[in-house]
Amino acid sequence: MGSFFLFLVGFGMTVTGSVTIIAYFNFLPAGLTWADYFIFIAGRLECYFFPLGLLLLLISLRHFNIEK
């Protein structure tokens, strides 16, 4: 039950982070360079949800495989 909850939390965090990163792509046509873009998203807390969510997903999937 705990690994399923961890999976759902990881999935939600991954979706939130990826949607935010994609939404910030709108700054590129406004004149930001790719370097400025990466510096900008590196400073945003909600963009860190994507790698953290992926980590939680991988941990929960590994736990599912060990149980079986």
PDB file of N, CA and C in Angstrom:
ATOM      1  N   MET A   1       0.820  -1.195   0.000  1.00  0.00           N
ATOM      2  CA  MET A   1       0.000   0.000   0.000  1.00  0.00           C
ATOM      3  C   MET A   1       0.862   1.255   0.000  1.00  0.00           C
ATOM      4  N   GLY A   2       1.972   1.218   0.753  1.00  0.00           N
ATOM      5  CA  GLY A   2       2.849   2.382   0.831  1.00  0.00           C
ATOM      6  C   GLY A   2       3.535   2.684  -0.483  1.00  0.00           C
ATOM      7  N   SER A   3       3.944   1.629  -1.201  1.00  0.00           N
ATOM      8  CA  SER A   3       4.615   1.865  -2.479  1.00  0.00           C
ATOM      9  C   SER A   3       3.633   2.385  -3.530  1.00  0.00           C
ATOM     10  N   PHE A   4       2.367   1.997  -3.428  1.00  0.00           N
ATOM     11  CA  PHE A   4       1.363   2.537  -4.347  1.00  0.00           C
ATOM     12  C   PHE A   4       1.151   4.023  -4.083  1.00  0.00           C
ATOM     13  N   PHE A   5       1.110   4.408  -2.814  1.00  0.00           N
ATOM     14  CA  PHE A   5       0.988   5.831  -2.461  1.00  0.00           C
ATOM     15  C   PHE A   5       2.212   6.601  -2.938  1.00  0.00           C
ATOM     16  N   LEU A   6       3.392   6.015  -2.780  1.00  0.00           N
ATOM     17  CA  LEU A   6       4.627   6.648  -3.245  1.00  0.00           C
ATOM     18  C   LEU A   6       4.603   6.803  -4.766  1.00  0.00           C
ATOM     19  N   PHE A   7       4.057   5.813  -5.452  1.00  0.00           N
ATOM     20  CA  PHE A   7       3.924   5.899  -6.903  1.00  0.00           C
ATOM     21  C   PHE A   7       3.012   7.054  -7.308  1.00  0.00           C
ATOM     22  N   LEU A   8       1.885   7.181  -6.639  1.00  0.00           N
ATOM     23  CA  LEU A   8       0.949   8.252  -6.981  1.00  0.00           C
ATOM     24  C   LEU A   8       1.523   9.630  -6.683  1.00  0.00           C
ATOM     25  N   VAL A   9       2.214   9.769  -5.577  1.00  0.00           N
ATOM     26  CA  VAL A   9       2.841  11.055  -5.248  1.00  0.00           C
ATOM     27  C   VAL A   9       3.931  11.380  -6.266  1.00  0.00           C
ATOM     28  N   GLY A  10       4.745  10.395  -6.621  1.00  0.00           N
ATOM     29  CA  GLY A  10       5.781  10.600  -7.621  1.00  0.00           C
ATOM     30  C   GLY A  10       5.211  10.962  -8.978  1.00  0.00           C
ATOM     31  N   PHE A  11       4.116  10.304  -9.347  1.00  0.00           N
ATOM     32  CA  PHE A  11       3.473  10.611 -10.627  1.00  0.00           C
ATOM     33  C   PHE A  11       2.940  12.039 -10.628  1.00  0.00           C
ATOM     34  N   GLY A  12       2.304  12.441  -9.547  1.00  0.00           N
ATOM     35  CA  GLY A  12       1.779  13.806  -9.459  1.00  0.00           C
ATOM     36  C   GLY A  12       2.874  14.850  -9.506  1.00  0.00           C
ATOM     37  N   MET A  13       3.970  14.590  -8.818  1.00  0.00           N
ATOM     38  CA  MET A  13       5.082  15.539  -8.829  1.00  0.00           C
ATOM     39  C   MET A  13       5.736  15.613 -10.203  1.00  0.00           C
ATOM     40  N   THR A  14       5.848  14.475 -10.884  1.00  0.00           N
ATOM     41  CA  THR A  14       6.423  14.460 -12.224  1.00  0.00           C
ATOM     42  C   THR A  14       5.561  15.239 -13.196  1.00  0.00           C
ATOM     43  N   VAL A  15       4.266  15.054 -13.124  1.00  0.00           N
ATOM     44  CA  VAL A  15       3.352  15.778 -14.012  1.00  0.00           C
ATOM     45  C   VAL A  15       3.405  17.275 -13.720  1.00  0.00           C
ATOM     46  N   THR A  16       3.396  17.643 -12.443  1.00  0.00           N
ATOM     47  CA  THR A  16       3.448  19.056 -12.083  1.00  0.00           C
ATOM     48  C   THR A  16       4.733  19.712 -12.575  1.00  0.00           C
ATOM     49  N   GLY A  17       5.856  19.048 -12.359  1.00  0.00           N
ATOM     50  CA  GLY A  17       7.132  19.605 -12.792  1.00  0.00           C
ATOM     51  C   GLY A  17       7.258  19.707 -14.293  1.00  0.00           C
ATOM     52  N   SER A  18       6.814  18.675 -15.005  1.00  0.00           N
ATOM     53  CA  SER A  18       6.944  18.705 -16.463  1.00  0.00           C
ATOM     54  C   SER A  18       6.012  19.736 -17.093  1.00  0.00           C
ATOM     55  N   VAL A  19       4.820  19.899 -16.567  1.00  0.00           N
ATOM     56  CA  VAL A  19       3.903  20.918 -17.090  1.00  0.00           C
ATOM     57  C   VAL A  19       4.482  22.305 -16.854  1.00  0.00           C
ATOM     58  N   THR A  20       5.098  22.512 -15.705  1.00  0.00           N
ATOM     59  CA  THR A  20       5.699  23.807 -15.409  1.00  0.00           C
ATOM     60  C   THR A  20       6.873  24.091 -16.337  1.00  0.00           C
ATOM     61  N   ILE A  21       7.714  23.087 -16.552  1.00  0.00           N
ATOM     62  CA  ILE A  21       8.856  23.270 -17.453  1.00  0.00           C
ATOM     63  C   ILE A  21       8.381  23.569 -18.868  1.00  0.00           C
ATOM     64  N   ILE A  22       7.354  22.879 -19.323  1.00  0.00           N
ATOM     65  CA  ILE A  22       6.807  23.125 -20.662  1.00  0.00           C
ATOM     66  C   ILE A  22       6.173  24.509 -20.735  1.00  0.00           C
ATOM     67  N   ALA A  23       5.504  24.921 -19.673  1.00  0.00           N
ATOM     68  CA  ALA A  23       4.887  26.252 -19.673  1.00  0.00           C
ATOM     69  C   ALA A  23       5.940  27.351 -19.758  1.00  0.00           C
ATOM     70  N   TYR A  24       7.092  27.129 -19.135  1.00  0.00           N
ATOM     71  CA  TYR A  24       8.155  28.130 -19.193  1.00  0.00           C
ATOM     72  C   TYR A  24       8.833  28.185 -20.554  1.00  0.00           C
ATOM     73  N   PHE A  25       8.541  27.233 -21.448  1.00  0.00           N
ATOM     74  CA  PHE A  25       9.046  27.321 -22.817  1.00  0.00           C
ATOM     75  C   PHE A  25       8.517  28.565 -23.520  1.00  0.00           C
ATOM     76  N   ASN A  26       7.434  29.132 -23.024  1.00  0.00           N
ATOM     77  CA  ASN A  26       6.876  30.327 -23.643  1.00  0.00           C
ATOM     78  C   ASN A  26       7.786  31.536 -23.499  1.00  0.00           C
ATOM     79  N   PHE A  27       8.785  31.453 -22.635  1.00  0.00           N
ATOM     80  CA  PHE A  27       9.731  32.555 -22.497  1.00  0.00           C
ATOM     81  C   PHE A  27      10.746  32.591 -23.634  1.00  0.00           C
ATOM     82  N   LEU A  28      10.930  31.479 -24.326  1.00  0.00           N
ATOM     83  CA  LEU A  28      11.902  31.435 -25.416  1.00  0.00           C
ATOM     84  C   LEU A  28      11.537  32.366 -26.573  1.00  0.00           C
ATOM     85  N   PRO A  29      10.282  32.387 -27.028  1.00  0.00           N
ATOM     86  CA  PRO A  29       9.958  33.345 -28.095  1.00  0.00           C
ATOM     87  C   PRO A  29      10.007  34.803 -27.631  1.00  0.00           C
ATOM     88  N   ALA A  30       9.996  35.020 -26.332  1.00  0.00           N
ATOM     89  CA  ALA A  30      10.043  36.388 -25.812  1.00  0.00           C
ATOM     90  C   ALA A  30      11.452  36.953 -25.800  1.00  0.00           C
ATOM     91  N   GLY A  31      12.437  36.153 -26.197  1.00  0.00           N
ATOM     92  CA  GLY A  31      13.786  36.669 -26.320  1.00  0.00           C
ATOM     93  C   GLY A  31      14.820  36.024 -25.420  1.00  0.00           C
ATOM     94  N   LEU A  32      14.437  35.064 -24.592  1.00  0.00           N
ATOM     95  CA  LEU A  32      15.414  34.374 -23.764  1.00  0.00           C
ATOM     96  C   LEU A  32      16.209  33.387 -24.607  1.00  0.00           C
ATOM     97  N   THR A  33      17.475  33.245 -24.294  1.00  0.00           N
ATOM     98  CA  THR A  33      18.279  32.217 -24.954  1.00  0.00           C
ATOM     99  C   THR A  33      18.102  30.917 -24.184  1.00  0.00           C
ATOM    100  N   TRP A  34      18.627  29.821 -24.745  1.00  0.00           N
ATOM    101  CA  TRP A  34      18.512  28.532 -24.067  1.00  0.00           C
ATOM    102  C   TRP A  34      19.276  28.559 -22.750  1.00  0.00           C
ATOM    103  N   ALA A  35      20.414  29.232 -22.719  1.00  0.00           N
ATOM    104  CA  ALA A  35      21.187  29.324 -21.472  1.00  0.00           C
ATOM    105  C   ALA A  35      20.396  30.092 -20.416  1.00  0.00           C
ATOM    106  N   ASP A  36      19.779  31.200 -20.811  1.00  0.00           N
ATOM    107  CA  ASP A  36      18.950  31.966 -19.867  1.00  0.00           C
ATOM    108  C   ASP A  36      17.767  31.144 -19.380  1.00  0.00           C
ATOM    109  N   TYR A  37      17.202  30.354 -20.278  1.00  0.00           N
ATOM    110  CA  TYR A  37      16.069  29.507 -19.917  1.00  0.00           C
ATOM    111  C   TYR A  37      16.455  28.491 -18.846  1.00  0.00           C
ATOM    112  N   PHE A  38      17.597  27.817 -19.053  1.00  0.00           N
ATOM    113  CA  PHE A  38      18.017  26.805 -18.085  1.00  0.00           C
ATOM    114  C   PHE A  38      18.421  27.423 -16.752  1.00  0.00           C
ATOM    115  N   ILE A  39      19.008  28.600 -16.797  1.00  0.00           N
ATOM    116  CA  ILE A  39      19.318  29.305 -15.551  1.00  0.00           C
ATOM    117  C   ILE A  39      18.029  29.682 -14.835  1.00  0.00           C
ATOM    118  N   PHE A  40      17.022  30.107 -15.582  1.00  0.00           N
ATOM    119  CA  PHE A  40      15.747  30.491 -14.983  1.00  0.00           C
ATOM    120  C   PHE A  40      15.047  29.310 -14.327  1.00  0.00           C
ATOM    121  N   ILE A  41      14.955  28.170 -15.043  1.00  0.00           N
ATOM    122  CA  ILE A  41      14.234  27.041 -14.452  1.00  0.00           C
ATOM    123  C   ILE A  41      15.030  26.389 -13.333  1.00  0.00           C
ATOM    124  N   ALA A  42      16.351  26.574 -13.319  1.00  0.00           N
ATOM    125  CA  ALA A  42      17.149  26.041 -12.222  1.00  0.00           C
ATOM    126  C   ALA A  42      16.854  26.784 -10.915  1.00  0.00           C
ATOM    127  N   GLY A  43      16.361  27.994 -11.027  1.00  0.00           N
ATOM    128  CA  GLY A  43      16.047  28.781  -9.843  1.00  0.00           C
ATOM    129  C   GLY A  43      14.607  28.663  -9.381  1.00  0.00           C
ATOM    130  N   ARG A  44      13.797  27.905 -10.073  1.00  0.00           N
ATOM    131  CA  ARG A  44      12.383  27.771  -9.728  1.00  0.00           C
ATOM    132  C   ARG A  44      12.155  26.480  -8.961  1.00  0.00           C
ATOM    133  N   LEU A  45      11.519  26.571  -7.818  1.00  0.00           N
ATOM    134  CA  LEU A  45      11.295  25.405  -6.958  1.00  0.00           C
ATOM    135  C   LEU A  45      10.390  24.370  -7.619  1.00  0.00           C
ATOM    136  N   GLU A  46       9.363  24.810  -8.316  1.00  0.00           N
ATOM    137  CA  GLU A  46       8.410  23.857  -8.894  1.00  0.00           C
ATOM    138  C   GLU A  46       9.016  23.040 -10.035  1.00  0.00           C
ATOM    139  N   CYS A  47      10.117  23.481 -10.603  1.00  0.00           N
ATOM    140  CA  CYS A  47      10.776  22.699 -11.645  1.00  0.00           C
ATOM    141  C   CYS A  47      11.550  21.524 -11.060  1.00  0.00           C
ATOM    142  N   TYR A  48      11.860  21.577  -9.772  1.00  0.00           N
ATOM    143  CA  TYR A  48      12.543  20.462  -9.119  1.00  0.00           C
ATOM    144  C   TYR A  48      11.586  19.319  -8.799  1.00  0.00           C
ATOM    145  N   PHE A  49      10.289  19.534  -8.966  1.00  0.00           N
ATOM    146  CA  PHE A  49       9.332  18.454  -8.752  1.00  0.00           C
ATOM    147  C   PHE A  49       9.499  17.349  -9.791  1.00  0.00           C
ATOM    148  N   PHE A  50       9.941  17.708 -10.997  1.00  0.00           N
ATOM    149  CA  PHE A  50      10.093  16.711 -12.060  1.00  0.00           C
ATOM    150  C   PHE A  50      11.143  15.650 -11.728  1.00  0.00           C
ATOM    151  N   PRO A  51      12.398  16.023 -11.424  1.00  0.00           N
ATOM    152  CA  PRO A  51      13.363  14.960 -11.102  1.00  0.00           C
ATOM    153  C   PRO A  51      13.058  14.252  -9.785  1.00  0.00           C
ATOM    154  N   LEU A  52      12.511  14.975  -8.819  1.00  0.00           N
ATOM    155  CA  LEU A  52      12.157  14.343  -7.552  1.00  0.00           C
ATOM    156  C   LEU A  52      11.018  13.340  -7.748  1.00  0.00           C
ATOM    157  N   GLY A  53      10.047  13.694  -8.562  1.00  0.00           N
ATOM    158  CA  GLY A  53       8.953  12.778  -8.871  1.00  0.00           C
ATOM    159  C   GLY A  53       9.430  11.545  -9.622  1.00  0.00           C
ATOM    160  N   LEU A  54      10.365  11.738 -10.563  1.00  0.00           N
ATOM    161  CA  LEU A  54      10.935  10.581 -11.262  1.00  0.00           C
ATOM    162  C   LEU A  54      11.661   9.658 -10.298  1.00  0.00           C
ATOM    163  N   LEU A  55      12.375  10.237  -9.351  1.00  0.00           N
ATOM    164  CA  LEU A  55      13.074   9.427  -8.355  1.00  0.00           C
ATOM    165  C   LEU A  55      12.089   8.622  -7.516  1.00  0.00           C
ATOM    166  N   LEU A  56      10.997   9.252  -7.093  1.00  0.00           N
ATOM    167  CA  LEU A  56       9.988   8.526  -6.316  1.00  0.00           C
ATOM    168  C   LEU A  56       9.329   7.430  -7.146  1.00  0.00           C
ATOM    169  N   LEU A  57       9.087   7.706  -8.427  1.00  0.00           N
ATOM    170  CA  LEU A  57       8.520   6.680  -9.304  1.00  0.00           C
ATOM    171  C   LEU A  57       9.462   5.482  -9.432  1.00  0.00           C
ATOM    172  N   LEU A  58      10.729   5.754  -9.624  1.00  0.00           N
ATOM    173  CA  LEU A  58      11.689   4.659  -9.765  1.00  0.00           C
ATOM    174  C   LEU A  58      11.814   3.853  -8.477  1.00  0.00           C
ATOM    175  N   ILE A  59      11.793   4.522  -7.337  1.00  0.00           N
ATOM    176  CA  ILE A  59      11.862   3.815  -6.060  1.00  0.00           C
ATOM    177  C   ILE A  59      10.636   2.929  -5.873  1.00  0.00           C
ATOM    178  N   SER A  60       9.465   3.470  -6.173  1.00  0.00           N
ATOM    179  CA  SER A  60       8.246   2.679  -5.975  1.00  0.00           C
ATOM    180  C   SER A  60       8.162   1.522  -6.963  1.00  0.00           C
ATOM    181  N   LEU A  61       8.602   1.729  -8.198  1.00  0.00           N
ATOM    182  CA  LEU A  61       8.586   0.635  -9.171  1.00  0.00           C
ATOM    183  C   LEU A  61       9.586  -0.445  -8.792  1.00  0.00           C
ATOM    184  N   ARG A  62      10.721  -0.050  -8.269  1.00  0.00           N
ATOM    185  CA  ARG A  62      11.699  -1.047  -7.814  1.00  0.00           C
ATOM    186  C   ARG A  62      11.124  -1.834  -6.641  1.00  0.00           C
ATOM    187  N   HIS A  63      10.392  -1.173  -5.774  1.00  0.00           N
ATOM    188  CA  HIS A  63       9.781  -1.856  -4.638  1.00  0.00           C
ATOM    189  C   HIS A  63       8.696  -2.822  -5.115  1.00  0.00           C
ATOM    190  N   PHE A  64       7.941  -2.445  -6.157  1.00  0.00           N
ATOM    191  CA  PHE A  64       6.946  -3.357  -6.730  1.00  0.00           C
ATOM    192  C   PHE A  64       7.619  -4.609  -7.265  1.00  0.00           C
ATOM    193  N   ASN A  65       8.772  -4.454  -7.931  1.00  0.00           N
ATOM    194  CA  ASN A  65       9.469  -5.608  -8.506  1.00  0.00           C
ATOM    195  C   ASN A  65      10.044  -6.513  -7.435  1.00  0.00           C
ATOM    196  N   ILE A  66      10.478  -5.959  -6.319  1.00  0.00           N
ATOM    197  CA  ILE A  66      11.037  -6.776  -5.256  1.00  0.00           C
ATOM    198  C   ILE A  66       9.947  -7.592  -4.573  1.00  0.00           C
ATOM    199  N   GLU A  67       8.742  -7.019  -4.425  1.00  0.00           N
ATOM    200  CA  GLU A  67       7.653  -7.733  -3.762  1.00  0.00           C
ATOM    201  C   GLU A  67       7.197  -8.948  -4.542  1.00  0.00           C
ATOM    202  N   LYS A  68       7.282  -8.900  -5.853  1.00  0.00           N
ATOM    203  CA  LYS A  68       6.771 -10.001  -6.685  1.00  0.00           C
ATOM    204  C   LYS A  68       7.752 -11.101  -6.847  1.00  0.00           C
TER     205      LYS A  68
END
